[in-house]
Amino acid sequence: MLRTITAALVLTALSIISVTAGVGAPAQQGSMPLRHRPVHNLLPLRAGELAALEVSPAFTYVGGQRFVLGGAADAEQHLFVLADANKRVQRVYWIQIEELLPTRPGAYNYSADRTVTVYGLPFALNIRQYTTAPDSGSDRARAFALLHLSGYDIPEGAIRARLVYLPDSAARREIMIVYLEPPSAAAIETAARAALVARATGDFVVHPRP
């Protein structure tokens, strides 16, 4: 069960982020300074109605990195992992804060995804299984590289549930939560999807803005 975070601690974490962004978290070569930093697995965000995301203390914070994704967006990743004694990944939370660059037109569109409500906020849900290696330079390639750099072994054919929150109507910024776990023959079948989503949403807390 997740620990209880008081409103005062959330506000403290939100104030800390202004003076610690870019400090103390691992980052890959060529990445940009971080804008966000977890405090005891509490990641301050201040995005729309979302103040922070809190990941269960059972998960270990691997690190963060920020980079320009595909020449189109400013992307920042934070990874939390649950692994066995041999560092074989059992479960991952990959949180990504992404915003289109000012020079890029357009907006994020997840109308094809199903909308689910998590802690009172709308998230676009998509489930898939990774059947191929990530494209070079993609956000998945970056996330997997950070895990490998930290010594973690990622299972082939992993299943992921992606949850995306759009903080405002302009839809040029998104908060993405990717939950990943080892493959299961039934995991992407309709009957098993509800259980997968329950696991995906069961070990983090959404803290609304006060």
Foldseek 3Di string as FASTA:
>chain_A
DADDDDPVVLVVQLVVLVVCFQPDFDEDPPFDTGSWDDDLQWIADPFAQFGTKHFGNLWAWLGKTWDAAPVWKTKIWTKTFHADPQQETAKMKIKMKMFTDPVDDDADDLPVFDWDAAPRATWGKDKDWDQDDDDPRHPVVRVVVSSVVSPHHYAHRKIKMKIWGQNDPSRRIIIIIIMIGHDDPCCPPPVNVVVVVCVSRVGMHTDTDD
